[in-house]
């Protein structure tokens, strides 16, 4: 009974990160071959920064649009109420 509980609770040292995996970082040599043949350029971080700036600008534009629409509704409502 104790051995059954021990086997259920036991976790291998490799999975816990306490021992090194002898198979290496890449376990499949075909994957390494594919990566070396493909030889893709590294990610351009300037492009990533530009995307983040674009998203920030789009967020500000959306907020400005919503504020403008809200102001227009208030002005038109005040104009309609002043007619009565």
PDB file of N, CA and C in Angstrom:
ATOM      1  N   UNK A   1       0.820  -1.191   0.000  1.00  0.00           N
ATOM      2  CA  UNK A   1       0.000   0.000   0.000  1.00  0.00           C
ATOM      3  C   UNK A   1       0.866   1.257   0.000  1.00  0.00           C
ATOM      4  N   UNK A   2       1.938   1.230   0.809  1.00  0.00           N
ATOM      5  CA  UNK A   2       2.831   2.391   0.868  1.00  0.00           C
ATOM      6  C   UNK A   2       3.527   2.598  -0.470  1.00  0.00           C
ATOM      7  N   UNK A   3       3.916   1.520  -1.133  1.00  0.00           N
ATOM      8  CA  UNK A   3       4.593   1.666  -2.429  1.00  0.00           C
ATOM      9  C   UNK A   3       3.644   2.238  -3.488  1.00  0.00           C
ATOM     10  N   UNK A   4       2.374   1.888  -3.398  1.00  0.00           N
ATOM     11  CA  UNK A   4       1.399   2.443  -4.336  1.00  0.00           C
ATOM     12  C   UNK A   4       1.266   3.952  -4.153  1.00  0.00           C
ATOM     13  N   UNK A   5       1.164   4.393  -2.909  1.00  0.00           N
ATOM     14  CA  UNK A   5       1.070   5.836  -2.624  1.00  0.00           C
ATOM     15  C   UNK A   5       2.350   6.541  -3.049  1.00  0.00           C
ATOM     16  N   UNK A   6       3.493   5.881  -2.793  1.00  0.00           N
ATOM     17  CA  UNK A   6       4.781   6.466  -3.191  1.00  0.00           C
ATOM     18  C   UNK A   6       4.858   6.639  -4.711  1.00  0.00           C
ATOM     19  N   UNK A   7       4.380   5.650  -5.448  1.00  0.00           N
ATOM     20  CA  UNK A   7       4.448   5.741  -6.910  1.00  0.00           C
ATOM     21  C   UNK A   7       3.501   6.812  -7.448  1.00  0.00           C
ATOM     22  N   UNK A   8       2.381   7.034  -6.769  1.00  0.00           N
ATOM     23  CA  UNK A   8       1.455   8.074  -7.205  1.00  0.00           C
ATOM     24  C   UNK A   8       1.977   9.471  -6.909  1.00  0.00           C
ATOM     25  N   UNK A   9       2.694   9.629  -5.803  1.00  0.00           N
ATOM     26  CA  UNK A   9       3.180  10.935  -5.379  1.00  0.00           C
ATOM     27  C   UNK A   9       4.529  11.263  -6.003  1.00  0.00           C
ATOM     28  N   UNK A  10       5.297  10.243  -6.354  1.00  0.00           N
ATOM     29  CA  UNK A  10       6.653  10.465  -6.872  1.00  0.00           C
ATOM     30  C   UNK A  10       6.614  11.199  -8.201  1.00  0.00           C
ATOM     31  N   UNK A  11       7.445  12.201  -8.321  1.00  0.00           N
ATOM     32  CA  UNK A  11       7.602  12.917  -9.580  1.00  0.00           C
ATOM     33  C   UNK A  11       9.057  12.829  -9.990  1.00  0.00           C
ATOM     34  N   UNK A  12       9.327  12.514 -11.229  1.00  0.00           N
ATOM     35  CA  UNK A  12      10.722  12.411 -11.674  1.00  0.00           C
ATOM     36  C   UNK A  12      11.463  13.737 -11.525  1.00  0.00           C
ATOM     37  N   UNK A  13      12.742  13.646 -11.269  1.00  0.00           N
ATOM     38  CA  UNK A  13      13.556  14.838 -11.059  1.00  0.00           C
ATOM     39  C   UNK A  13      13.650  15.685 -12.320  1.00  0.00           C
ATOM     40  N   UNK A  14      13.601  15.061 -13.492  1.00  0.00           N
ATOM     41  CA  UNK A  14      13.691  15.813 -14.748  1.00  0.00           C
ATOM     42  C   UNK A  14      12.475  16.726 -14.881  1.00  0.00           C
ATOM     43  N   UNK A  15      11.290  16.209 -14.558  1.00  0.00           N
ATOM     44  CA  UNK A  15      10.083  17.004 -14.691  1.00  0.00           C
ATOM     45  C   UNK A  15      10.077  18.150 -13.675  1.00  0.00           C
ATOM     46  N   UNK A  16      10.673  17.945 -12.528  1.00  0.00           N
ATOM     47  CA  UNK A  16      10.723  18.993 -11.520  1.00  0.00           C
ATOM     48  C   UNK A  16      11.833  20.004 -11.778  1.00  0.00           C
ATOM     49  N   UNK A  17      12.703  19.733 -12.729  1.00  0.00           N
ATOM     50  CA  UNK A  17      13.781  20.651 -13.045  1.00  0.00           C
ATOM     51  C   UNK A  17      14.996  20.480 -12.156  1.00  0.00           C
ATOM     52  N   UNK A  18      15.077  19.363 -11.403  1.00  0.00           N
ATOM     53  CA  UNK A  18      16.210  19.154 -10.510  1.00  0.00           C
ATOM     54  C   UNK A  18      17.344  18.383 -11.186  1.00  0.00           C
ATOM     55  N   UNK A  19      17.067  17.742 -12.279  1.00  0.00           N
ATOM     56  CA  UNK A  19      18.099  16.995 -12.995  1.00  0.00           C
ATOM     57  C   UNK A  19      18.070  17.431 -14.450  1.00  0.00           C
ATOM     58  N   UNK A  20      19.202  17.324 -15.100  1.00  0.00           N
ATOM     59  CA  UNK A  20      19.285  17.713 -16.502  1.00  0.00           C
ATOM     60  C   UNK A  20      18.828  16.574 -17.386  1.00  0.00           C
ATOM     61  N   UNK A  21      18.160  16.918 -18.456  1.00  0.00           N
ATOM     62  CA  UNK A  21      17.698  15.930 -19.415  1.00  0.00           C
ATOM     63  C   UNK A  21      18.855  15.605 -20.345  1.00  0.00           C
ATOM     64  N   UNK A  22      19.230  14.327 -20.419  1.00  0.00           N
ATOM     65  CA  UNK A  22      20.388  13.939 -21.226  1.00  0.00           C
ATOM     66  C   UNK A  22      20.106  14.018 -22.718  1.00  0.00           C
ATOM     67  N   UNK A  23      18.853  14.121 -23.089  1.00  0.00           N
ATOM     68  CA  UNK A  23      18.514  14.165 -24.514  1.00  0.00           C
ATOM     69  C   UNK A  23      18.783  15.527 -25.129  1.00  0.00           C
ATOM     70  N   UNK A  24      19.037  16.537 -24.324  1.00  0.00           N
ATOM     71  CA  UNK A  24      19.370  17.850 -24.838  1.00  0.00           C
ATOM     72  C   UNK A  24      18.155  18.742 -24.979  1.00  0.00           C
ATOM     73  N   UNK A  25      18.407  19.946 -25.453  1.00  0.00           N
ATOM     74  CA  UNK A  25      17.342  20.940 -25.564  1.00  0.00           C
ATOM     75  C   UNK A  25      16.335  20.552 -26.641  1.00  0.00           C
ATOM     76  N   UNK A  26      16.828  20.125 -27.793  1.00  0.00           N
ATOM     77  CA  UNK A  26      15.965  19.700 -28.890  1.00  0.00           C
ATOM     78  C   UNK A  26      16.000  18.181 -28.954  1.00  0.00           C
ATOM     79  N   UNK A  27      14.860  17.564 -28.751  1.00  0.00           N
ATOM     80  CA  UNK A  27      14.815  16.109 -28.676  1.00  0.00           C
ATOM     81  C   UNK A  27      14.746  15.463 -30.054  1.00  0.00           C
ATOM     82  N   UNK A  28      14.239  16.174 -31.030  1.00  0.00           N
ATOM     83  CA  UNK A  28      14.081  15.596 -32.356  1.00  0.00           C
ATOM     84  C   UNK A  28      15.104  16.216 -33.307  1.00  0.00           C
ATOM     85  N   UNK A  29      16.023  15.435 -33.835  1.00  0.00           N
ATOM     86  CA  UNK A  29      17.034  16.025 -34.745  1.00  0.00           C
ATOM     87  C   UNK A  29      16.434  16.566 -36.031  1.00  0.00           C
ATOM     88  N   UNK A  30      15.264  16.070 -36.433  1.00  0.00           N
ATOM     89  CA  UNK A  30      14.629  16.604 -37.638  1.00  0.00           C
ATOM     90  C   UNK A  30      14.206  18.050 -37.428  1.00  0.00           C
ATOM     91  N   UNK A  31      13.823  18.385 -36.204  1.00  0.00           N
ATOM     92  CA  UNK A  31      13.444  19.760 -35.897  1.00  0.00           C
ATOM     93  C   UNK A  31      14.647  20.688 -36.030  1.00  0.00           C
ATOM     94  N   UNK A  32      15.783  20.267 -35.519  1.00  0.00           N
ATOM     95  CA  UNK A  32      17.000  21.071 -35.625  1.00  0.00           C
ATOM     96  C   UNK A  32      17.375  21.247 -37.089  1.00  0.00           C
ATOM     97  N   UNK A  33      17.235  20.193 -37.874  1.00  0.00           N
ATOM     98  CA  UNK A  33      17.537  20.274 -39.301  1.00  0.00           C
ATOM     99  C   UNK A  33      16.595  21.250 -40.000  1.00  0.00           C
ATOM    100  N   UNK A  34      15.325  21.195 -39.644  1.00  0.00           N
ATOM    101  CA  UNK A  34      14.344  22.111 -40.242  1.00  0.00           C
ATOM    102  C   UNK A  34      14.693  23.550 -39.898  1.00  0.00           C
ATOM    103  N   UNK A  35      15.027  23.822 -38.654  1.00  0.00           N
ATOM    104  CA  UNK A  35      15.356  25.183 -38.233  1.00  0.00           C
ATOM    105  C   UNK A  35      16.608  25.674 -38.954  1.00  0.00           C
ATOM    106  N   UNK A  36      17.608  24.823 -39.087  1.00  0.00           N
ATOM    107  CA  UNK A  36      18.843  25.254 -39.754  1.00  0.00           C
ATOM    108  C   UNK A  36      18.624  25.469 -41.253  1.00  0.00           C
ATOM    109  N   UNK A  37      17.749  24.684 -41.876  1.00  0.00           N
ATOM    110  CA  UNK A  37      17.471  24.860 -43.302  1.00  0.00           C
ATOM    111  C   UNK A  37      16.599  26.089 -43.555  1.00  0.00           C
ATOM    112  N   UNK A  38      15.665  26.318 -42.692  1.00  0.00           N
ATOM    113  CA  UNK A  38      14.734  27.426 -42.868  1.00  0.00           C
ATOM    114  C   UNK A  38      15.446  28.756 -42.692  1.00  0.00           C
ATOM    115  N   UNK A  39      16.291  28.884 -41.674  1.00  0.00           N
ATOM    116  CA  UNK A  39      17.163  30.039 -41.442  1.00  0.00           C
ATOM    117  C   UNK A  39      16.405  31.365 -41.528  1.00  0.00           C
ATOM    118  N   UNK A  40      15.344  31.474 -40.730  1.00  0.00           N
ATOM    119  CA  UNK A  40      14.525  32.678 -40.738  1.00  0.00           C
ATOM    120  C   UNK A  40      15.231  33.824 -40.025  1.00  0.00           C
ATOM    121  N   UNK A  41      15.008  35.022 -40.507  1.00  0.00           N
ATOM    122  CA  UNK A  41      15.596  36.190 -39.857  1.00  0.00           C
ATOM    123  C   UNK A  41      14.983  36.372 -38.480  1.00  0.00           C
ATOM    124  N   UNK A  42      15.734  37.007 -37.598  1.00  0.00           N
ATOM    125  CA  UNK A  42      15.233  37.250 -36.251  1.00  0.00           C
ATOM    126  C   UNK A  42      14.128  38.302 -36.298  1.00  0.00           C
ATOM    127  N   UNK A  43      13.306  38.330 -35.269  1.00  0.00           N
ATOM    128  CA  UNK A  43      12.200  39.271 -35.196  1.00  0.00           C
ATOM    129  C   UNK A  43      12.730  40.693 -35.066  1.00  0.00           C
ATOM    130  N   UNK A  44      12.212  41.560 -35.879  1.00  0.00           N
ATOM    131  CA  UNK A  44      12.618  42.955 -35.841  1.00  0.00           C
ATOM    132  C   UNK A  44      11.869  43.637 -34.699  1.00  0.00           C
ATOM    133  N   UNK A  45      12.586  44.003 -33.649  1.00  0.00           N
ATOM    134  CA  UNK A  45      11.933  44.585 -32.481  1.00  0.00           C
ATOM    135  C   UNK A  45      11.425  45.995 -32.777  1.00  0.00           C
ATOM    136  N   UNK A  46      11.999  46.674 -33.766  1.00  0.00           N
ATOM    137  CA  UNK A  46      11.484  47.988 -34.144  1.00  0.00           C
ATOM    138  C   UNK A  46      10.059  47.860 -34.678  1.00  0.00           C
ATOM    139  N   UNK A  47       9.814  46.809 -35.450  1.00  0.00           N
ATOM    140  CA  UNK A  47       8.475  46.566 -35.975  1.00  0.00           C
ATOM    141  C   UNK A  47       7.496  46.295 -34.834  1.00  0.00           C
ATOM    142  N   UNK A  48       7.943  45.511 -33.864  1.00  0.00           N
ATOM    143  CA  UNK A  48       7.089  45.209 -32.723  1.00  0.00           C
ATOM    144  C   UNK A  48       6.757  46.482 -31.941  1.00  0.00           C
ATOM    145  N   UNK A  49       7.739  47.352 -31.771  1.00  0.00           N
ATOM    146  CA  UNK A  49       7.497  48.627 -31.093  1.00  0.00           C
ATOM    147  C   UNK A  49       6.527  49.494 -31.897  1.00  0.00           C
ATOM    148  N   UNK A  50       6.663  49.459 -33.215  1.00  0.00           N
ATOM    149  CA  UNK A  50       5.755  50.231 -34.065  1.00  0.00           C
ATOM    150  C   UNK A  50       4.327  49.707 -33.939  1.00  0.00           C
ATOM    151  N   UNK A  51       4.169  48.395 -33.847  1.00  0.00           N
ATOM    152  CA  UNK A  51       2.831  47.815 -33.668  1.00  0.00           C
ATOM    153  C   UNK A  51       2.243  48.271 -32.334  1.00  0.00           C
ATOM    154  N   UNK A  52       3.050  48.269 -31.284  1.00  0.00           N
ATOM    155  CA  UNK A  52       2.564  48.706 -29.978  1.00  0.00           C
ATOM    156  C   UNK A  52       2.177  50.190 -29.990  1.00  0.00           C
ATOM    157  N   UNK A  53       2.986  51.011 -30.670  1.00  0.00           N
ATOM    158  CA  UNK A  53       2.647  52.430 -30.797  1.00  0.00           C
ATOM    159  C   UNK A  53       1.356  52.609 -31.581  1.00  0.00           C
ATOM    160  N   UNK A  54       1.176  51.810 -32.633  1.00  0.00           N
ATOM    161  CA  UNK A  54      -0.050  51.879 -33.425  1.00  0.00           C
ATOM    162  C   UNK A  54      -1.275  51.507 -32.613  1.00  0.00           C
ATOM    163  N   UNK A  55      -1.150  50.482 -31.784  1.00  0.00           N
ATOM    164  CA  UNK A  55      -2.277  50.095 -30.934  1.00  0.00           C
ATOM    165  C   UNK A  55      -2.601  51.190 -29.928  1.00  0.00           C
ATOM    166  N   UNK A  56      -1.568  51.827 -29.393  1.00  0.00           N
ATOM    167  CA  UNK A  56      -1.788  52.916 -28.436  1.00  0.00           C
ATOM    168  C   UNK A  56      -2.492  54.079 -29.127  1.00  0.00           C
ATOM    169  N   UNK A  57      -2.056  54.413 -30.337  1.00  0.00           N
ATOM    170  CA  UNK A  57      -2.687  55.478 -31.102  1.00  0.00           C
ATOM    171  C   UNK A  57      -4.144  55.129 -31.412  1.00  0.00           C
ATOM    172  N   UNK A  58      -4.410  53.889 -31.786  1.00  0.00           N
ATOM    173  CA  UNK A  58      -5.777  53.462 -32.090  1.00  0.00           C
ATOM    174  C   UNK A  58      -6.662  53.556 -30.848  1.00  0.00           C
ATOM    175  N   UNK A  59      -6.107  53.204 -29.696  1.00  0.00           N
ATOM    176  CA  UNK A  59      -6.873  53.311 -28.455  1.00  0.00           C
ATOM    177  C   UNK A  59      -7.215  54.759 -28.151  1.00  0.00           C
ATOM    178  N   UNK A  60      -6.234  55.656 -28.308  1.00  0.00           N
ATOM    179  CA  UNK A  60      -6.487  57.080 -28.079  1.00  0.00           C
ATOM    180  C   UNK A  60      -7.497  57.634 -29.080  1.00  0.00           C
ATOM    181  N   UNK A  61      -7.420  57.199 -30.336  1.00  0.00           N
ATOM    182  CA  UNK A  61      -8.365  57.650 -31.351  1.00  0.00           C
ATOM    183  C   UNK A  61      -9.774  57.172 -31.021  1.00  0.00           C
ATOM    184  N   UNK A  62      -9.908  55.952 -30.530  1.00  0.00           N
ATOM    185  CA  UNK A  62     -11.214  55.434 -30.149  1.00  0.00           C
ATOM    186  C   UNK A  62     -11.802  56.231 -28.993  1.00  0.00           C
ATOM    187  N   UNK A  63     -10.993  56.528 -27.991  1.00  0.00           N
ATOM    188  CA  UNK A  63     -11.462  57.312 -26.849  1.00  0.00           C
ATOM    189  C   UNK A  63     -11.865  58.708 -27.305  1.00  0.00           C
ATOM    190  N   UNK A  64     -11.064  59.338 -28.160  1.00  0.00           N
ATOM    191  CA  UNK A  64     -11.389  60.675 -28.658  1.00  0.00           C
ATOM    192  C   UNK A  64     -12.695  60.650 -29.462  1.00  0.00           C
ATOM    193  N   UNK A  65     -12.897  59.616 -30.258  1.00  0.00           N
ATOM    194  CA  UNK A  65     -14.127  59.481 -31.036  1.00  0.00           C
ATOM    195  C   UNK A  65     -15.335  59.334 -30.112  1.00  0.00           C
ATOM    196  N   UNK A  66     -15.183  58.488 -29.080  1.00  0.00           N
ATOM    197  CA  UNK A  66     -16.295  58.300 -28.141  1.00  0.00           C
ATOM    198  C   UNK A  66     -16.617  59.586 -27.392  1.00  0.00           C
ATOM    199  N   UNK A  67     -15.603  60.346 -27.014  1.00  0.00           N
ATOM    200  CA  UNK A  67     -15.829  61.627 -26.345  1.00  0.00           C
ATOM    201  C   UNK A  67     -16.517  62.594 -27.300  1.00  0.00           C
ATOM    202  N   UNK A  68     -16.080  62.634 -28.540  1.00  0.00           N
ATOM    203  CA  UNK A  68     -16.700  63.506 -29.542  1.00  0.00           C
ATOM    204  C   UNK A  68     -18.152  63.147 -29.798  1.00  0.00           C
ATOM    205  N   UNK A  69     -18.435  61.849 -29.918  1.00  0.00           N
ATOM    206  CA  UNK A  69     -19.820  61.410 -30.130  1.00  0.00           C
ATOM    207  C   UNK A  69     -20.678  61.764 -28.917  1.00  0.00           C
ATOM    208  N   UNK A  70     -20.140  61.560 -27.728  1.00  0.00           N
ATOM    209  CA  UNK A  70     -20.872  61.912 -26.511  1.00  0.00           C
ATOM    210  C   UNK A  70     -21.171  63.396 -26.444  1.00  0.00           C
ATOM    211  N   UNK A  71     -20.193  64.226 -26.795  1.00  0.00           N
ATOM    212  CA  UNK A  71     -20.399  65.678 -26.794  1.00  0.00           C
ATOM    213  C   UNK A  71     -21.436  66.074 -27.836  1.00  0.00           C
ATOM    214  N   UNK A  72     -21.389  65.450 -28.998  1.00  0.00           N
ATOM    215  CA  UNK A  72     -22.360  65.745 -30.051  1.00  0.00           C
ATOM    216  C   UNK A  72     -23.776  65.400 -29.593  1.00  0.00           C
ATOM    217  N   UNK A  73     -23.933  64.264 -28.922  1.00  0.00           N
ATOM    218  CA  UNK A  73     -25.249  63.862 -28.419  1.00  0.00           C
ATOM    219  C   UNK A  73     -25.756  64.871 -27.389  1.00  0.00           C
ATOM    220  N   UNK A  74     -24.875  65.308 -26.499  1.00  0.00           N
ATOM    221  CA  UNK A  74     -25.275  66.288 -25.479  1.00  0.00           C
ATOM    222  C   UNK A  74     -25.673  67.604 -26.130  1.00  0.00           C
ATOM    223  N   UNK A  75     -24.904  68.075 -27.096  1.00  0.00           N
ATOM    224  CA  UNK A  75     -25.213  69.345 -27.763  1.00  0.00           C
ATOM    225  C   UNK A  75     -26.526  69.245 -28.532  1.00  0.00           C
ATOM    226  N   UNK A  76     -26.713  68.146 -29.271  1.00  0.00           N
ATOM    227  CA  UNK A  76     -27.949  67.981 -30.034  1.00  0.00           C
ATOM    228  C   UNK A  76     -29.159  67.842 -29.109  1.00  0.00           C
ATOM    229  N   UNK A  77     -28.989  67.154 -27.979  1.00  0.00           N
ATOM    230  CA  UNK A  77     -30.087  67.029 -27.029  1.00  0.00           C
ATOM    231  C   UNK A  77     -30.450  68.392 -26.436  1.00  0.00           C
ATOM    232  N   UNK A  78     -29.421  69.179 -26.102  1.00  0.00           N
ATOM    233  CA  UNK A  78     -29.674  70.527 -25.568  1.00  0.00           C
ATOM    234  C   UNK A  78     -30.355  71.398 -26.608  1.00  0.00           C
ATOM    235  N   UNK A  79     -29.940  71.278 -27.861  1.00  0.00           N
ATOM    236  CA  UNK A  79     -30.552  72.054 -28.949  1.00  0.00           C
ATOM    237  C   UNK A  79     -32.012  71.652 -29.122  1.00  0.00           C
ATOM    238  N   UNK A  80     -32.307  70.344 -29.078  1.00  0.00           N
ATOM    239  CA  UNK A  80     -33.680  69.869 -29.229  1.00  0.00           C
ATOM    240  C   UNK A  80     -34.542  70.319 -28.060  1.00  0.00           C
ATOM    241  N   UNK A  81     -33.987  70.299 -26.863  1.00  0.00           N
ATOM    242  CA  UNK A  81     -34.759  70.733 -25.697  1.00  0.00           C
ATOM    243  C   UNK A  81     -35.013  72.230 -25.704  1.00  0.00           C
ATOM    244  N   UNK A  82     -34.085  72.988 -26.266  1.00  0.00           N
ATOM    245  CA  UNK A  82     -34.278  74.432 -26.307  1.00  0.00           C
ATOM    246  C   UNK A  82     -35.367  74.843 -27.310  1.00  0.00           C
ATOM    247  N   UNK A  83     -35.679  73.966 -28.251  1.00  0.00           N
ATOM    248  CA  UNK A  83     -36.736  74.262 -29.220  1.00  0.00           C
ATOM    249  C   UNK A  83     -38.128  74.198 -28.584  1.00  0.00           C
ATOM    250  N   UNK A  84     -38.260  73.423 -27.532  1.00  0.00           N
ATOM    251  CA  UNK A  84     -39.581  73.288 -26.892  1.00  0.00           C
ATOM    252  C   UNK A  84     -39.764  74.323 -25.877  1.00  0.00           C
TER     253      UNK A  84
END
